[in-house]
Amino acid sequence: MNGTMIQFFHWYTPGDSFLWKHVNESVSYLADLGITAVWLPPAYKAISGGYGVGYGPYDLFDLGEFDQKGSVPTKYGNKDEYLDAIKALKSHNMQVIVDIVLNHKAGGDELETFQVVQVDQNNRNKVISDVMEIESYTKFTFPGRQKKYSDFEWNFTCFTGVDYAEGKDPGIYRIINDYGDNWDEIVNDEKGNYDFLMYDDIEHRNPFVRKELNYWGKWYHDQTGFDGVRLDAVKHISPDFYKEWLNNLRSNVGENIFAVGEYWAPGFLKLLEAYIDSTDGCMSLFDSSLQNNLHTASKNPDYDLREIFTETLVGSRPDKAVTVVDNHDTQPLQALEAPVDTWFKPIAYALILLRNDGYPCVFYPDLYGASYKDHGKDGKEYEIVLEKVDAIEALLKARKDYAYGEQQDYFDDAHCIGWVRKGDKEHGGCAVVLSNKDKNHKSMEMGKIYAGKTFFDFTGHLQDKIVADKNGRADFPCPAGNVSVWVAE
C-alpha cells in the first residue's frame, strides 16, 4: 500500500490531556483512510509544562511522568496515555513518528555564572562586546525526576549560547568554551552562522552531551518502540551531529529508523540538496520548496500549473522528499505563516497524494478542521477557522486504492493539468485532472486494458460517467478551481 503520514497535531491543539486519548479513538478511522504513519508532537516536558507545544524542551526523560514545570502531564497527556496511544497505532499497523528537538533546552533550574561575548542578531559571527560575565539559567538538575533514568546534569559547558542574561537586555550571547572559538559549523551562511536559534543552544561538540543524547535516543526507543523520527530545526545543527546520532540510534536498536528533518528554506532548493549531501543522505527532508510553490499558486489564479514542481525537492530528489501542503509553522498566525488557501487545497493534496514521487504528509486541520485565537504580528487578536479540506477523505482513499503503476503526465496547459496512473496487478488505476481556473477537461489514455470501461469521479465533484474508447482513452473533465479523480467501475 502507498505510504501516507499524518501530522496529528497543530500549533493550537487543545491542552487538557486531549491528544493522546484522541489518537487512541482515531486509529480505525486513520487506518481506513490509508494512513500508514502518524507523526506525534514532542512528548516530553517543556518549559511551560502542561501548556507547552513541546518545542521549548526542558526534560527529555519526562514523558508526562514527573511533577515538573507545574504539572505531571504534558499538554497532550501523561506517560501511560502516550504509551497507550502508541500501542493503539501499532495494533493497526501504523508507524509511530516521534518529534525530536535536540537543538536547544529551555527552563533551566539554576543560574550559573560564565563568560560570553554578545553577537549581532543579524550576523552571529560579528562580536559586539568585550568578553564579560553573565548569569543565565543553564543548570538543569531536574529535581522532580530525582535522577531516575539518567543522572546527567546540564551546565553552561553543554551550550554554545543563550538569549537570556540576568539583568541585561535580551540578546544573543555566545559562551566562551573549550570546543572552538566560534559557533558550530552548519551548512549555509544565513545570519552569518545560524547555529543559534533560541533558549540555551546545545553544544553538540561536547562529547559528554553527545554521549547523553545517544543514550537518550536508545532509552526513548526502549520506552516507546517508535518507528521514525521527525528532527526539529536541523538547519541550526551541524550535519555531523545527526549523521553520528542517527547511525548510533539505528545501530543501538537494530532497526533502520526512518528520519525526516525540518530544514525550512522555502524557495531555496540548493540548501535542501546541500544538507542531504552533507548528511550523506541519512535523512529525508520536508519539501519546503514545494510547499512554497503551493502557497504561491493558491494566492495567484494566473499561476502556471506546469511549473508547480519546478525547483522542488520532490522534483530533484524524490527519494528524500516528504511532501506537505501545510504544517504547524505555516498555519495562520505562526512565525513562518504561509498557508495554502482553502480553495486550492484539494488541488494541492491531489498533487502530493496521487503521484508517484514523494512521501506525503497530511496536516491534522486539513482532515479534522480546527479553530483558535491568537495575536497577529500587528498585535491584534484574530479568530482563525480552518475548514476540513473538500474531498480529502476521497483523495486519501484514492491514494490507498488507485494511485499505482506507470504514471503518464499531461502537463500541456497552464491552467489545467492531468496525469494517469495505469494500475498494477493488485490495483486499478486512476485519471487525475485539475484546474486552477475554469471548468476544463483533458484527453488522456489509460491503456487498452481499460477499453470500453466506464469511469466515475471518485471525489464526487462530477456526477456524469465517462466511457473509454478502444485504446482506453477518454476526455476526462474537472470542475472549475478543483480536481476530479476518475476510476473505472
Protein backbone atom coordinates (compact mmCIF):
# COMPACT_ATOMS: atom_id res chain seq x y z
CA MET A 1 0.00 0.00 0.00
CA ASN A 2 1.14 3.56 -0.68
CA GLY A 3 2.63 5.09 2.47
CA THR A 4 0.95 8.21 3.86
CA MET A 5 1.89 10.13 7.02
CA ILE A 6 -0.27 12.47 9.05
CA GLN A 7 0.96 15.26 11.33
CA PHE A 8 -1.52 14.54 14.13
CA PHE A 9 -1.41 17.96 15.81
CA HIS A 10 -1.10 21.65 15.07
CA TRP A 11 0.28 24.63 16.99
CA TYR A 12 -3.04 25.30 18.72
CA THR A 13 -4.04 21.71 19.54
CA PRO A 14 -6.17 21.84 22.72
CA GLY A 15 -4.46 21.03 26.03
CA ASP A 16 -6.11 19.23 28.98
CA SER A 17 -4.53 15.88 28.05
CA PHE A 18 -6.72 15.71 24.94
CA LEU A 19 -4.38 14.47 22.25
CA TRP A 20 -3.15 11.06 23.40
CA LYS A 21 -6.75 9.99 24.08
CA HIS A 22 -7.81 11.40 20.71
CA VAL A 23 -5.12 9.32 18.96
CA ASN A 24 -6.50 6.22 20.66
CA GLU A 25 -10.02 7.00 19.46
CA SER A 26 -8.91 7.72 15.87
CA VAL A 27 -6.85 4.70 14.89
CA SER A 28 -9.56 2.81 12.97
CA TYR A 29 -10.59 5.93 11.04
CA LEU A 30 -6.98 6.73 10.09
CA ALA A 31 -6.25 3.14 9.03
CA ASP A 32 -9.38 3.08 6.86
CA LEU A 33 -8.15 6.21 5.03
CA GLY A 34 -4.82 4.55 4.27
CA ILE A 35 -2.71 6.43 6.82
CA THR A 36 0.39 4.31 7.45
CA ALA A 37 2.40 6.59 9.79
CA VAL A 38 1.42 9.09 12.48
CA TRP A 39 3.73 11.95 13.45
CA LEU A 40 3.13 12.84 17.10
CA PRO A 41 4.23 16.12 18.74
CA PRO A 42 7.17 16.41 21.19
CA ALA A 43 6.08 14.21 24.07
CA TYR A 44 8.48 15.36 26.82
CA LYS A 45 8.14 18.07 29.43
CA ALA A 46 8.60 21.57 28.03
CA ILE A 47 9.36 24.92 29.66
CA SER A 48 5.66 25.69 30.08
CA GLY A 49 4.68 22.28 31.45
CA GLY A 50 1.08 21.36 30.70
CA TYR A 51 0.70 24.27 28.28
CA GLY A 52 3.78 23.83 26.08
CA VAL A 53 3.51 22.70 22.45
CA GLY A 54 6.83 20.96 23.13
CA TYR A 55 9.39 22.90 21.11
CA GLY A 56 10.93 24.50 24.21
CA PRO A 57 12.07 21.18 25.76
CA TYR A 58 13.03 21.02 29.43
CA ASP A 59 13.45 17.32 30.33
CA LEU A 60 13.69 14.73 27.55
CA PHE A 61 13.22 11.91 30.06
CA ASP A 62 9.89 13.22 31.39
CA LEU A 63 7.15 11.85 29.11
CA GLY A 64 4.41 13.10 31.44
CA GLU A 65 5.59 11.12 34.45
CA PHE A 66 7.03 13.64 36.94
CA ASP A 67 5.75 16.76 38.67
CA GLN A 68 7.89 19.32 36.85
CA LYS A 69 7.17 22.79 35.42
CA GLY A 70 3.84 22.89 37.22
CA SER A 71 2.28 19.61 36.09
CA VAL A 72 2.72 15.87 35.76
CA PRO A 73 1.15 15.50 32.29
CA THR A 74 2.38 17.39 29.25
CA LYS A 75 -0.10 19.38 27.20
CA TYR A 76 -1.09 16.15 25.47
CA GLY A 77 -1.49 13.78 28.43
CA ASN A 78 0.52 11.60 30.79
CA LYS A 79 3.04 8.89 30.03
CA ASP A 80 0.58 5.99 30.32
CA GLU A 81 -1.82 7.69 27.90
CA TYR A 82 1.07 8.32 25.49
CA LEU A 83 2.18 4.69 25.57
CA ASP A 84 -1.44 3.52 25.14
CA ALA A 85 -1.79 5.73 22.05
CA ILE A 86 1.37 4.23 20.58
CA LYS A 87 0.12 0.69 21.24
CA ALA A 88 -3.19 1.53 19.53
CA LEU A 89 -1.38 2.83 16.45
CA LYS A 90 0.87 -0.20 16.25
CA SER A 91 -2.11 -2.55 16.65
CA HIS A 92 -3.44 -1.05 13.39
CA ASN A 93 -0.06 -1.43 11.63
CA MET A 94 0.65 2.29 11.64
CA GLN A 95 4.19 3.53 12.21
CA VAL A 96 4.87 5.96 15.04
CA ILE A 97 6.96 9.03 14.12
CA VAL A 98 8.21 10.90 17.21
CA ASP A 99 9.25 14.55 17.25
CA ILE A 100 12.86 15.07 18.37
CA VAL A 101 14.09 18.50 19.50
CA LEU A 102 17.84 18.39 20.14
CA ASN A 103 18.77 21.93 19.13
CA HIS A 104 18.10 23.67 22.46
CA LYS A 105 16.87 23.31 26.03
CA ALA A 106 14.66 25.70 27.99
CA GLY A 107 13.65 26.39 31.57
CA GLY A 108 16.90 25.67 33.43
CA ASP A 109 16.65 25.09 37.19
CA GLU A 110 19.53 27.26 38.45
CA LEU A 111 21.56 30.30 37.46
CA GLU A 112 25.24 29.88 36.58
CA THR A 113 27.95 32.48 36.02
CA PHE A 114 30.18 32.18 32.95
CA GLN A 115 31.95 34.19 30.26
CA VAL A 116 30.35 35.25 26.97
CA VAL A 117 30.54 37.73 24.14
CA GLN A 118 27.44 39.34 22.71
CA VAL A 119 26.96 38.97 18.95
CA ASP A 120 24.96 40.82 16.32
CA GLN A 121 21.46 39.35 15.87
CA ASN A 122 21.77 39.54 12.07
CA ASN A 123 25.40 38.40 11.82
CA ARG A 124 26.21 35.98 14.63
CA ASN A 125 29.88 35.95 13.56
CA LYS A 126 30.14 39.65 14.44
CA VAL A 127 31.10 40.22 18.10
CA ILE A 128 29.65 43.46 19.52
CA SER A 129 31.01 43.35 23.11
CA ASP A 130 34.10 42.59 25.14
CA VAL A 131 34.31 39.29 26.98
CA MET A 132 32.03 39.60 30.02
CA GLU A 133 30.50 37.53 32.78
CA ILE A 134 26.74 36.90 32.82
CA GLU A 135 24.31 34.80 34.82
CA SER A 136 21.84 32.59 32.99
CA TYR A 137 19.65 29.55 33.66
CA THR A 138 21.96 26.91 32.21
CA LYS A 139 21.98 24.44 35.13
CA PHE A 140 19.48 21.63 34.61
CA THR A 141 19.19 19.27 37.60
CA PHE A 142 15.58 18.04 37.07
CA PRO A 143 14.71 17.90 40.80
CA GLY A 144 11.26 16.45 40.10
CA ARG A 145 12.76 13.40 38.41
CA GLN A 146 15.35 12.68 41.14
CA LYS A 147 17.91 11.22 38.68
CA LYS A 148 15.57 8.43 37.51
CA TYR A 149 16.63 7.13 34.04
CA SER A 150 19.71 9.42 33.95
CA ASP A 151 21.87 11.28 36.47
CA PHE A 152 23.31 13.65 33.83
CA GLU A 153 23.13 17.31 34.81
CA TRP A 154 23.43 20.01 32.15
CA ASN A 155 25.56 23.11 32.79
CA PHE A 156 26.89 26.03 30.74
CA THR A 157 29.62 23.87 29.13
CA CYS A 158 26.79 21.97 27.40
CA PHE A 159 25.66 25.03 25.44
CA THR A 160 27.08 27.29 22.71
CA GLY A 161 24.96 30.33 23.56
CA VAL A 162 21.96 31.76 25.38
CA ASP A 163 19.43 34.53 24.76
CA TYR A 164 18.91 35.42 28.43
CA ALA A 165 21.34 37.19 30.74
CA GLU A 166 20.20 38.18 34.23
CA GLY A 167 19.80 41.95 34.47
CA LYS A 168 20.68 42.58 30.82
CA ASP A 169 18.68 43.27 27.68
CA PRO A 170 17.68 40.25 25.56
CA GLY A 171 20.34 39.39 23.01
CA ILE A 172 22.47 36.54 21.73
CA TYR A 173 25.39 35.70 23.98
CA ARG A 174 27.98 33.23 22.70
CA ILE A 175 29.52 31.20 25.51
CA ILE A 176 33.32 31.05 25.76
CA ASN A 177 34.00 27.31 25.95
CA ASP A 178 36.59 24.65 25.16
CA TYR A 179 35.03 23.42 21.90
CA GLY A 180 36.14 26.07 19.42
CA ASP A 181 36.24 29.84 19.36
CA ASN A 182 33.01 30.19 17.38
CA TRP A 183 29.64 28.60 16.71
CA ASP A 184 29.40 25.03 15.43
CA GLU A 185 29.74 24.56 11.67
CA ILE A 186 26.49 24.43 9.71
CA VAL A 187 25.61 24.22 6.01
CA ASN A 188 24.87 27.81 4.97
CA ASP A 189 25.76 31.36 5.96
CA GLU A 190 22.31 32.73 6.82
CA LYS A 191 22.76 35.31 9.62
CA GLY A 192 26.49 34.68 9.33
CA ASN A 193 26.09 31.43 11.23
CA TYR A 194 22.60 30.24 12.20
CA ASP A 195 23.73 27.71 14.81
CA PHE A 196 21.88 29.71 17.47
CA LEU A 197 18.07 29.66 17.24
CA MET A 198 16.64 30.16 20.75
CA TYR A 199 16.88 29.44 24.51
CA ASP A 200 20.02 27.52 25.59
CA ASP A 201 21.63 26.27 22.37
CA ILE A 202 23.06 22.77 22.76
CA GLU A 203 26.82 22.35 22.23
CA HIS A 204 26.95 19.19 20.09
CA ARG A 205 30.77 19.26 20.05
CA ASN A 206 30.81 18.43 23.78
CA PRO A 207 31.48 14.64 23.96
CA PHE A 208 29.53 14.29 27.23
CA VAL A 209 26.48 15.89 25.58
CA ARG A 210 26.74 13.59 22.58
CA LYS A 211 27.04 10.54 24.85
CA GLU A 212 23.94 11.60 26.81
CA LEU A 213 21.87 12.27 23.66
CA ASN A 214 22.91 8.92 22.18
CA TYR A 215 21.91 7.19 25.41
CA TRP A 216 18.59 9.08 25.46
CA GLY A 217 17.74 8.02 21.88
CA LYS A 218 18.09 4.34 22.81
CA TRP A 219 16.16 4.92 26.06
CA TYR A 220 13.32 6.66 24.20
CA HIS A 221 13.08 3.79 21.72
CA ASP A 222 13.08 1.24 24.55
CA GLN A 223 10.16 3.10 26.15
CA THR A 224 8.04 3.59 23.04
CA GLY A 225 9.22 1.40 20.15
CA PHE A 226 8.94 4.32 17.72
CA ASP A 227 9.47 3.61 14.01
CA GLY A 228 10.71 7.00 12.84
CA VAL A 229 11.83 10.45 13.93
CA ARG A 230 10.97 13.96 12.82
CA LEU A 231 14.03 16.06 13.57
CA ASP A 232 13.35 19.68 14.52
CA ALA A 233 15.37 22.68 13.31
CA VAL A 234 18.13 20.73 11.55
CA LYS A 235 19.35 23.84 9.69
CA HIS A 236 20.66 25.06 13.08
CA ILE A 237 22.57 21.84 13.87
CA SER A 238 25.83 20.54 12.46
CA PRO A 239 25.23 17.80 9.86
CA ASP A 240 27.99 15.79 11.53
CA PHE A 241 25.96 15.50 14.73
CA TYR A 242 22.89 13.95 13.12
CA LYS A 243 24.98 11.62 10.95
CA GLU A 244 26.51 10.23 14.16
CA TRP A 245 23.29 10.32 16.22
CA LEU A 246 21.15 8.53 13.64
CA ASN A 247 23.86 5.96 12.93
CA ASN A 248 24.13 5.21 16.65
CA LEU A 249 20.35 5.05 17.10
CA ARG A 250 19.88 2.65 14.19
CA SER A 251 22.78 0.52 15.36
CA ASN A 252 21.69 0.50 19.02
CA VAL A 253 18.07 -0.51 18.32
CA GLY A 254 18.83 -2.78 15.35
CA GLU A 255 16.30 -1.09 13.06
CA ASN A 256 16.55 1.20 10.05
CA ILE A 257 14.68 4.02 11.79
CA PHE A 258 13.06 6.43 9.31
CA ALA A 259 14.15 10.07 9.71
CA VAL A 260 12.84 13.31 8.25
CA GLY A 261 14.48 16.63 9.02
CA GLU A 262 12.89 20.05 9.18
CA TYR A 263 15.17 22.29 7.12
CA TRP A 264 12.77 25.12 6.32
CA ALA A 265 14.14 27.10 3.37
CA PRO A 266 11.19 27.93 1.08
CA GLY A 267 12.40 28.71 -2.42
CA PHE A 268 15.98 27.57 -1.74
CA LEU A 269 16.20 24.05 -3.14
CA LYS A 270 20.01 24.16 -3.25
CA LEU A 271 20.14 24.43 0.56
CA LEU A 272 17.98 21.32 0.94
CA GLU A 273 20.16 19.42 -1.52
CA ALA A 274 23.32 20.61 0.24
CA TYR A 275 22.04 19.40 3.60
CA ILE A 276 21.13 15.98 2.18
CA ASP A 277 24.61 15.71 0.68
CA SER A 278 26.34 16.88 3.88
CA THR A 279 24.46 14.26 5.93
CA ASP A 280 25.26 11.52 3.39
CA GLY A 281 21.55 11.03 2.75
CA CYS A 282 20.92 9.72 6.28
CA MET A 283 17.55 11.53 6.43
CA SER A 284 14.75 12.80 4.23
CA LEU A 285 13.66 16.45 4.37
CA PHE A 286 10.30 18.19 4.21
CA ASP A 287 9.90 19.75 0.78
CA SER A 288 9.64 23.39 1.85
CA SER A 289 10.20 24.43 -1.78
CA LEU A 290 7.07 22.60 -2.96
CA GLN A 291 5.06 23.98 -0.04
CA ASN A 292 6.18 27.46 -1.09
CA ASN A 293 5.03 26.79 -4.67
CA LEU A 294 1.64 25.54 -3.43
CA HIS A 295 1.23 28.65 -1.24
CA THR A 296 2.16 30.93 -4.15
CA ALA A 297 -0.15 29.13 -6.58
CA SER A 298 -3.06 29.43 -4.14
CA LYS A 299 -2.60 33.20 -4.00
CA ASN A 300 -2.35 33.65 -7.77
CA PRO A 301 -5.12 32.30 -10.04
CA ASP A 302 -2.87 33.02 -13.05
CA TYR A 303 -0.20 30.63 -11.74
CA ASP A 304 1.14 28.28 -14.44
CA LEU A 305 0.46 24.80 -13.05
CA ARG A 306 3.09 23.32 -15.35
CA GLU A 307 5.68 24.97 -13.05
CA ILE A 308 4.34 23.56 -9.76
CA PHE A 309 7.23 21.07 -9.37
CA THR A 310 9.95 23.48 -10.57
CA GLU A 311 12.81 23.89 -8.08
CA THR A 312 11.32 21.37 -5.64
CA LEU A 313 12.92 18.54 -3.69
CA VAL A 314 10.33 16.07 -4.99
CA GLY A 315 11.46 17.07 -8.48
CA SER A 316 15.20 16.70 -7.84
CA ARG A 317 15.47 14.11 -5.05
CA PRO A 318 12.11 12.31 -4.85
CA ASP A 319 13.61 9.55 -2.69
CA LYS A 320 14.36 12.12 0.04
CA ALA A 321 11.24 14.33 -0.20
CA VAL A 322 8.46 14.36 2.38
CA THR A 323 5.75 16.50 0.78
CA VAL A 324 3.41 18.76 2.77
CA VAL A 325 0.62 21.21 1.99
CA ASP A 326 0.81 22.95 5.39
CA ASN A 327 2.22 22.37 8.87
CA HIS A 328 2.23 23.91 12.36
CA ASP A 329 4.74 26.58 11.28
CA THR A 330 2.98 27.67 8.08
CA GLN A 331 -0.53 27.80 9.58
CA PRO A 332 -2.11 31.26 10.08
CA LEU A 333 -0.64 33.42 12.89
CA GLN A 334 2.60 31.45 13.12
CA ALA A 335 6.11 32.87 12.55
CA LEU A 336 6.59 31.19 9.16
CA GLU A 337 2.96 31.75 8.17
CA ALA A 338 2.44 30.75 4.51
CA PRO A 339 -0.83 28.81 4.40
CA VAL A 340 -2.23 27.35 1.20
CA ASP A 341 -5.62 28.97 0.53
CA THR A 342 -8.69 26.81 1.16
CA TRP A 343 -9.88 26.73 -2.48
CA PHE A 344 -6.53 25.35 -3.69
CA LYS A 345 -6.07 22.65 -1.06
CA PRO A 346 -7.87 19.82 -2.92
CA ILE A 347 -5.58 20.53 -5.88
CA ALA A 348 -2.53 20.62 -3.59
CA TYR A 349 -3.43 17.32 -1.95
CA ALA A 350 -4.03 15.66 -5.32
CA LEU A 351 -0.52 16.80 -6.31
CA ILE A 352 1.13 15.17 -3.29
CA LEU A 353 -1.14 12.13 -2.76
CA LEU A 354 -1.83 10.78 -6.24
CA ARG A 355 1.56 10.96 -7.92
CA ASN A 356 4.42 8.50 -7.95
CA ASP A 357 7.08 10.61 -6.21
CA GLY A 358 7.50 11.81 -2.64
CA TYR A 359 6.22 10.65 0.76
CA PRO A 360 3.10 12.75 1.51
CA CYS A 361 2.22 14.10 4.94
CA VAL A 362 -1.33 15.31 5.68
CA PHE A 363 -1.83 18.16 8.18
CA TYR A 364 -4.28 17.50 11.04
CA PRO A 365 -6.58 20.56 10.50
CA ASP A 366 -6.95 19.62 6.81
CA LEU A 367 -8.55 16.32 7.84
CA TYR A 368 -10.36 17.37 11.03
CA GLY A 369 -10.73 21.14 10.81
CA ALA A 370 -9.57 23.48 13.61
CA SER A 371 -10.36 26.83 15.20
CA TYR A 372 -8.26 29.00 17.51
CA LYS A 373 -7.45 32.56 18.56
CA ASP A 374 -4.07 34.29 18.72
CA HIS A 375 -2.46 37.66 18.16
CA GLY A 376 -1.07 38.59 14.76
CA LYS A 377 2.14 40.47 14.04
CA ASP A 378 0.12 43.70 14.32
CA GLY A 379 -0.78 42.90 17.94
CA LYS A 380 -4.49 42.40 17.22
CA GLU A 381 -6.29 39.20 18.22
CA TYR A 382 -7.71 37.09 15.41
CA GLU A 383 -10.01 34.08 15.38
CA ILE A 384 -8.97 31.52 12.78
CA VAL A 385 -11.21 28.78 11.41
CA LEU A 386 -9.52 26.11 9.30
CA GLU A 387 -12.04 24.02 7.39
CA LYS A 388 -11.69 20.34 6.63
CA VAL A 389 -10.42 20.12 3.05
CA ASP A 390 -13.03 19.37 0.40
CA ALA A 391 -12.85 15.69 -0.68
CA ILE A 392 -9.79 14.99 1.50
CA GLU A 393 -11.07 11.55 2.51
CA ALA A 394 -11.74 10.63 -1.12
CA LEU A 395 -8.25 11.76 -2.12
CA LEU A 396 -6.69 9.68 0.67
CA LYS A 397 -8.72 6.60 -0.27
CA ALA A 398 -7.84 7.13 -3.93
CA ARG A 399 -4.18 7.03 -2.95
CA LYS A 400 -4.71 3.87 -0.95
CA ASP A 401 -6.68 2.03 -3.66
CA TYR A 402 -5.87 3.51 -7.10
CA ALA A 403 -2.62 5.56 -7.24
CA TYR A 404 -0.42 2.73 -8.52
CA GLY A 405 1.54 1.75 -11.58
CA GLU A 406 3.01 3.66 -14.50
CA GLN A 407 2.45 7.42 -14.45
CA GLN A 408 1.91 9.44 -17.62
CA ASP A 409 1.73 13.24 -17.39
CA TYR A 410 -0.38 15.64 -19.41
CA PHE A 411 1.18 18.93 -18.34
CA ASP A 412 0.30 20.76 -21.58
CA ASP A 413 -1.85 23.64 -20.35
CA ALA A 414 -1.02 26.43 -17.90
CA HIS A 415 -4.31 26.15 -16.01
CA CYS A 416 -5.39 22.53 -16.46
CA ILE A 417 -3.02 19.62 -15.96
CA GLY A 418 -3.57 15.91 -15.53
CA TRP A 419 -1.93 12.53 -15.30
CA VAL A 420 -2.89 8.87 -15.32
CA ARG A 421 -1.77 6.05 -13.08
CA LYS A 422 -2.28 2.82 -15.00
CA GLY A 423 -2.59 0.49 -12.01
CA ASP A 424 -0.78 -2.73 -11.23
CA LYS A 425 -1.63 -6.40 -10.74
CA GLU A 426 -3.43 -5.74 -7.45
CA HIS A 427 -4.90 -2.27 -8.03
CA GLY A 428 -6.87 -0.41 -10.67
CA GLY A 429 -5.51 2.93 -11.80
CA CYS A 430 -6.89 6.46 -11.93
CA ALA A 431 -7.01 9.55 -14.13
CA VAL A 432 -6.48 12.86 -12.34
CA VAL A 433 -7.48 16.24 -13.79
CA LEU A 434 -7.25 19.61 -12.06
CA SER A 435 -7.82 23.22 -12.96
CA ASN A 436 -6.94 26.45 -11.18
CA LYS A 437 -9.35 28.44 -13.40
CA ASP A 438 -12.44 27.40 -15.37
CA LYS A 439 -14.16 24.06 -15.69
CA ASN A 440 -11.95 22.06 -18.06
CA HIS A 441 -11.15 18.64 -19.46
CA LYS A 442 -8.20 16.62 -20.65
CA SER A 443 -7.94 13.80 -23.18
CA MET A 444 -5.80 11.10 -21.58
CA GLU A 445 -5.08 7.46 -22.30
CA MET A 446 -5.30 4.87 -19.53
CA GLY A 447 -4.26 1.92 -21.76
CA LYS A 448 -6.03 -0.80 -23.70
CA ILE A 449 -6.95 -2.83 -20.63
CA TYR A 450 -9.41 -0.01 -19.86
CA ALA A 451 -11.05 -0.17 -23.33
CA GLY A 452 -14.82 0.28 -23.04
CA LYS A 453 -14.65 0.73 -19.25
CA THR A 454 -16.99 3.18 -17.53
CA PHE A 455 -15.32 5.76 -15.28
CA PHE A 456 -16.80 7.84 -12.43
CA ASP A 457 -15.43 10.78 -10.44
CA PHE A 458 -14.23 9.30 -7.15
CA THR A 459 -14.25 12.74 -5.49
CA GLY A 460 -17.98 13.13 -6.15
CA HIS A 461 -17.44 16.54 -7.72
CA LEU A 462 -18.96 15.50 -11.08
CA GLN A 463 -21.89 13.09 -11.50
CA ASP A 464 -21.75 12.14 -15.19
CA LYS A 465 -19.95 8.94 -16.15
CA ILE A 466 -17.45 8.51 -18.99
CA VAL A 467 -16.73 5.52 -21.26
CA ALA A 468 -13.18 4.97 -22.54
CA ASP A 469 -12.59 4.18 -26.24
CA LYS A 470 -10.89 1.10 -27.66
CA ASN A 471 -7.45 2.43 -26.59
CA GLY A 472 -8.60 3.25 -23.08
CA ARG A 473 -8.61 6.97 -23.91
CA ALA A 474 -11.29 9.36 -22.72
CA ASP A 475 -11.97 13.06 -22.29
CA PHE A 476 -11.80 13.48 -18.50
CA PRO A 477 -13.37 16.70 -17.12
CA CYS A 478 -12.89 18.55 -13.84
CA PRO A 479 -14.77 21.41 -12.14
CA ALA A 480 -13.54 25.00 -12.02
CA GLY A 481 -10.75 25.53 -9.49
CA ASN A 482 -10.81 21.94 -8.29
CA VAL A 483 -9.87 18.33 -9.05
CA SER A 484 -11.55 15.15 -10.28
CA VAL A 485 -10.19 11.64 -9.89
CA TRP A 486 -11.62 9.19 -12.42
CA VAL A 487 -11.66 5.45 -11.65
CA ALA A 488 -13.22 2.53 -13.52
CA GLU A 489 -16.39 0.93 -12.20
